[in-house]
Amino acid sequence: MDETKREMTKIAREVSKFTARTLKEEGIGTAEFDFIHAVRHNPGITQAKVRELLGLDKGACARRAAALEHKGYLTRRDNPQDARSQLLYATKKADHLKTSKSSVESMYYEWLLKDMSVKDRRLFVQLLEPLYQKSKKESIAGFPHLKAMVEKENLK
C-alpha cells in the first residue's frame, strides 16, 4: 500500500500544468521544451540522437527541430564528420527559456511552502533531499531495483 497516496506525483503534476501554461504564453509547448532541454544538455547533438533520447519518429523530430529553429531557440551547423547530418545547438533565447522554466517552478514551490512554519519547512527539506538522491541514483543506474519490482509484480 502506498502511504504517500502519490501526493508527490500529484504536486509535480500541478507544477507541470502551471509551468506548461506559463511556457505556452511564451509560445513554446512542453514537447518543444523537452526537445530544447535535450539539445541544451547535449550541444552539437544530431536529430538522430534526439530521436533516440526522446522516442520521436523521424518526421516529428524534423518538424520540431525546424519549428524551434524558426522560433529562434535552435541553430544548426554542418556536421564535419558526416555531410548528411547537421548538429543542433541551443541559442541564447533557449538559455533564457531554461531560466524562465526554473524560475516558474521555484515560484510555485515557494508559494506552496509559504504558509508552513520555518521549522516544518526545514524538516520537509531535510526529508526530501535523501529521497531525491535515492531517486536520482536509481535513475542513473537505469532503475534496476524498480524494474525488478515491476517484473515481480507482473509474475503474480
Protein backbone atom coordinates (compact mmCIF):
# COMPACT_ATOMS: atom_id res chain seq x y z
CA MET A 1 0.00 0.00 0.00
CA ASP A 2 1.27 3.46 -0.88
CA GLU A 3 1.32 5.51 2.31
CA THR A 4 2.08 8.68 0.35
CA LYS A 5 -1.14 8.42 -1.67
CA ARG A 6 1.07 9.57 -4.58
CA GLU A 7 0.97 13.11 -3.19
CA MET A 8 4.45 13.93 -4.63
CA THR A 9 3.22 12.88 -8.06
CA LYS A 10 0.09 14.96 -7.70
CA ILE A 11 2.06 18.05 -6.67
CA ALA A 12 4.54 17.53 -9.52
CA ARG A 13 1.62 17.25 -11.94
CA GLU A 14 0.20 20.58 -10.76
CA VAL A 15 3.64 22.22 -11.08
CA SER A 16 3.87 20.81 -14.60
CA LYS A 17 0.45 22.21 -15.50
CA PHE A 18 1.39 25.65 -14.24
CA THR A 19 4.76 25.53 -15.99
CA ALA A 20 3.19 24.34 -19.26
CA ARG A 21 0.66 27.16 -19.18
CA THR A 22 3.38 29.70 -18.48
CA LEU A 23 5.61 28.32 -21.27
CA LYS A 24 2.66 28.37 -23.64
CA GLU A 25 2.36 32.10 -23.02
CA GLU A 26 5.97 32.33 -24.30
CA GLY A 27 4.95 30.39 -27.42
CA ILE A 28 6.55 27.08 -26.50
CA GLY A 29 4.94 23.73 -25.71
CA THR A 30 6.15 21.11 -23.27
CA ALA A 31 7.24 18.75 -26.07
CA GLU A 32 9.24 21.59 -27.60
CA PHE A 33 10.75 22.36 -24.22
CA ASP A 34 11.84 18.71 -23.85
CA PHE A 35 13.49 18.94 -27.26
CA ILE A 36 15.31 22.15 -26.29
CA HIS A 37 16.34 20.57 -23.00
CA ALA A 38 17.88 17.60 -24.84
CA VAL A 39 19.83 19.94 -27.11
CA ARG A 40 20.95 22.20 -24.26
CA HIS A 41 22.35 19.23 -22.36
CA ASN A 42 23.96 17.75 -25.49
CA PRO A 43 25.34 20.63 -27.56
CA GLY A 44 26.11 19.52 -31.10
CA ILE A 45 23.63 16.64 -30.95
CA THR A 46 22.21 15.19 -34.15
CA GLN A 47 18.50 14.80 -34.80
CA ALA A 48 19.03 11.03 -34.79
CA LYS A 49 20.33 11.21 -31.22
CA VAL A 50 17.45 13.50 -30.19
CA ARG A 51 15.03 10.93 -31.64
CA GLU A 52 16.71 8.23 -29.59
CA LEU A 53 16.62 10.28 -26.37
CA LEU A 54 13.01 11.41 -26.72
CA GLY A 55 11.49 8.43 -28.54
CA LEU A 56 10.38 10.51 -31.54
CA ASP A 57 9.85 9.35 -35.09
CA LYS A 58 11.95 10.90 -37.83
CA GLY A 59 9.23 13.19 -39.22
CA ALA A 60 8.14 14.54 -35.84
CA CYS A 61 11.73 15.21 -34.87
CA ALA A 62 12.45 17.06 -38.12
CA ARG A 63 9.29 19.19 -37.80
CA ARG A 64 10.03 20.05 -34.17
CA ALA A 65 13.66 20.98 -34.94
CA ALA A 66 12.55 23.17 -37.85
CA ALA A 67 9.89 24.90 -35.75
CA LEU A 68 12.33 25.58 -32.92
CA GLU A 69 14.91 26.89 -35.34
CA HIS A 70 12.26 29.18 -36.87
CA LYS A 71 11.30 30.44 -33.38
CA GLY A 72 14.96 31.17 -32.65
CA TYR A 73 15.60 28.52 -29.99
CA LEU A 74 17.97 26.32 -32.03
CA THR A 75 20.65 26.69 -34.67
CA ARG A 76 22.09 24.08 -36.99
CA ARG A 77 25.67 23.64 -38.10
CA ASP A 78 27.13 21.24 -40.61
CA ASN A 79 28.48 18.03 -39.11
CA PRO A 80 32.17 17.89 -40.06
CA GLN A 81 32.16 14.11 -39.57
CA ASP A 82 29.05 13.39 -41.65
CA ALA A 83 27.95 15.66 -44.51
CA ARG A 84 24.46 14.10 -44.41
CA SER A 85 23.64 15.39 -40.93
CA GLN A 86 23.68 18.64 -39.02
CA LEU A 87 24.45 19.39 -35.42
CA LEU A 88 21.93 21.17 -33.21
CA TYR A 89 22.77 23.89 -30.69
CA ALA A 90 20.63 25.91 -28.31
CA THR A 91 20.60 29.69 -28.69
CA LYS A 92 20.70 32.38 -26.01
CA LYS A 93 16.92 32.54 -26.34
CA ALA A 94 16.78 28.85 -25.33
CA ASP A 95 19.05 29.54 -22.35
CA HIS A 96 16.64 32.25 -21.21
CA LEU A 97 13.76 29.80 -21.51
CA LYS A 98 15.55 27.37 -19.19
CA THR A 99 15.97 30.11 -16.61
CA SER A 100 12.35 31.06 -17.08
CA LYS A 101 11.13 27.49 -16.52
CA SER A 102 13.20 27.01 -13.37
CA SER A 103 12.03 30.39 -12.08
CA VAL A 104 8.40 29.44 -12.62
CA GLU A 105 8.88 26.13 -10.83
CA SER A 106 10.71 27.81 -7.93
CA MET A 107 7.93 30.35 -7.64
CA TYR A 108 5.36 27.56 -7.42
CA TYR A 109 7.27 25.73 -4.68
CA GLU A 110 7.86 28.94 -2.73
CA TRP A 111 4.14 29.65 -2.89
CA LEU A 112 3.36 26.10 -1.80
CA LEU A 113 5.62 26.25 1.27
CA LYS A 114 5.00 29.85 2.35
CA ASP A 115 2.25 29.00 4.86
CA MET A 116 4.39 26.39 6.63
CA SER A 117 6.33 27.27 9.74
CA VAL A 118 10.08 27.67 9.36
CA LYS A 119 10.57 24.51 11.46
CA ASP A 120 8.22 22.46 9.26
CA ARG A 121 9.82 23.76 6.04
CA ARG A 122 13.29 22.84 7.30
CA LEU A 123 12.12 19.37 8.28
CA PHE A 124 10.39 18.88 4.94
CA VAL A 125 13.51 19.88 3.00
CA GLN A 126 15.68 17.73 5.26
CA LEU A 127 13.48 14.70 4.49
CA LEU A 128 13.13 15.49 0.80
CA GLU A 129 16.84 15.62 -0.04
CA PRO A 130 17.69 11.94 0.67
CA LEU A 131 14.58 10.87 -1.23
CA TYR A 132 15.70 12.87 -4.23
CA GLN A 133 19.25 11.49 -4.04
CA LYS A 134 17.94 7.90 -3.87
CA SER A 135 15.65 8.57 -6.83
CA LYS A 136 18.41 10.15 -8.90
CA LYS A 137 20.85 7.31 -8.15
CA GLU A 138 18.25 4.76 -9.24
CA SER A 139 17.56 6.71 -12.43
CA ILE A 140 21.23 6.99 -13.34
CA ALA A 141 21.62 3.23 -12.84
CA GLY A 142 18.71 2.54 -15.20
CA PHE A 143 16.11 1.78 -12.49
CA PRO A 144 17.34 -1.77 -11.65
CA HIS A 145 15.51 -2.09 -8.33
CA LEU A 146 12.26 -0.67 -9.66
CA LYS A 147 12.40 -2.80 -12.81
CA ALA A 148 12.82 -5.89 -10.61
CA MET A 149 9.79 -4.84 -8.55
CA VAL A 150 7.70 -4.38 -11.70
CA GLU A 151 8.81 -7.74 -13.08
CA LYS A 152 7.98 -9.44 -9.77
CA GLU A 153 4.54 -7.80 -9.77
CA ASN A 154 3.92 -8.92 -13.38
CA LEU A 155 4.71 -12.53 -12.45
CA LYS A 156 1.91 -12.62 -9.87
